[in-house]
Amino acid sequence: MPKTLEVTLPSLGDDGDAVSSAFVSMWLVGIGATLRAGDDLLEVNTDKAAFVVPCPADGVLRDAGAAGGRGPAGRRAGHT
């Protein structure tokens, strides 16, 4: 069985300009999707920008938190 990896909200900005939270606006793939490292996984918005979070490793999306959740960098968003 492949290793399970958590998908977390990335650190947003450097030390001087870090963003404290982000909003998961939408998942770009569905549960059960086979993914390669670097594939577009979810869209995140902050007060300053919107960006796409890539898949951290090859795998299958097993769980996706609800879109619309706001949370701090490092918060679990789902897992492969």
Protein backbone atom coordinates (compact mmCIF):
# COMPACT_ATOMS: atom_id res chain seq x y z
CA MET A 1 0.00 0.00 0.00
CA PRO A 2 1.39 3.47 -0.88
CA LYS A 3 2.47 5.75 1.91
CA THR A 4 -0.21 8.20 3.10
CA LEU A 5 0.83 11.84 2.89
CA GLU A 6 -1.04 14.74 4.40
CA VAL A 7 -1.80 17.68 2.16
CA THR A 8 -1.36 20.87 4.18
CA LEU A 9 -1.76 24.54 3.46
CA PRO A 10 1.70 25.82 2.55
CA SER A 11 3.66 28.49 4.33
CA LEU A 12 2.61 31.73 2.70
CA GLY A 13 5.36 34.31 2.36
CA ASP A 14 8.69 34.89 4.01
CA ASP A 15 9.23 35.85 7.63
CA GLY A 16 8.69 39.57 7.06
CA ASP A 17 5.60 39.30 4.88
CA ALA A 18 4.00 36.01 5.96
CA VAL A 19 0.27 35.50 5.51
CA SER A 20 -1.28 33.97 8.60
CA SER A 21 -4.20 32.15 6.96
CA ALA A 22 -5.58 31.01 3.64
CA PHE A 23 -8.97 30.04 2.25
CA VAL A 24 -9.36 26.76 0.32
CA SER A 25 -11.53 27.93 -2.55
CA MET A 26 -11.77 24.64 -4.46
CA TRP A 27 -10.25 21.22 -5.02
CA LEU A 28 -9.17 20.77 -8.64
CA VAL A 29 -9.45 16.96 -8.57
CA GLY A 30 -11.94 14.56 -7.04
CA ILE A 31 -11.48 11.89 -4.41
CA GLY A 32 -10.06 8.77 -6.02
CA ALA A 33 -8.08 10.72 -8.64
CA THR A 34 -4.63 9.32 -9.46
CA LEU A 35 -2.05 12.08 -9.14
CA ARG A 36 1.60 12.68 -9.95
CA ALA A 37 3.87 14.89 -7.85
CA GLY A 38 3.40 18.47 -9.03
CA ASP A 39 -0.12 18.01 -10.44
CA ASP A 40 -2.51 20.87 -9.59
CA LEU A 41 -4.41 19.82 -6.47
CA LEU A 42 -6.33 22.69 -4.89
CA GLU A 43 -6.81 26.43 -5.22
CA VAL A 44 -6.07 28.66 -2.25
CA ASN A 45 -6.86 32.33 -1.72
CA THR A 46 -5.37 34.80 0.73
CA ASP A 47 -6.10 38.45 1.28
CA LYS A 48 -3.42 39.23 -1.32
CA ALA A 49 -3.45 36.49 -3.96
CA ALA A 50 -4.87 33.25 -5.30
CA PHE A 51 -2.64 30.32 -6.17
CA VAL A 52 -2.67 26.60 -6.90
CA VAL A 53 -1.15 24.08 -4.49
CA PRO A 54 0.56 21.14 -6.21
CA CYS A 55 0.34 17.52 -5.13
CA PRO A 56 3.33 16.73 -2.86
CA ALA A 57 3.93 13.20 -4.25
CA ASP A 58 2.52 10.54 -6.55
CA GLY A 59 -0.63 8.98 -5.14
CA VAL A 60 -4.41 8.80 -5.06
CA LEU A 61 -6.48 11.50 -3.35
CA ARG A 62 -8.15 9.71 -0.43
CA ASP A 63 -9.63 12.62 1.50
CA ALA A 64 -10.33 16.26 0.73
CA GLY A 65 -11.43 18.75 3.34
CA ALA A 66 -14.36 20.93 2.45
CA ALA A 67 -13.66 23.88 0.21
CA GLY A 68 -14.38 27.14 1.92
CA GLY A 69 -12.35 26.42 5.02
CA ARG A 70 -9.96 29.09 6.26
CA GLY A 71 -6.96 28.04 8.27
CA PRO A 72 -3.34 28.67 9.15
CA ALA A 73 -0.34 27.50 7.16
CA GLY A 74 0.34 23.88 8.04
CA ARG A 75 -3.34 23.03 8.55
CA ARG A 76 -4.33 19.64 7.13
CA ALA A 77 -6.37 20.00 3.95
CA GLY A 78 -6.57 16.34 2.88
CA HIS A 79 -4.39 13.32 2.20
CA THR A 80 -3.19 11.12 -0.62
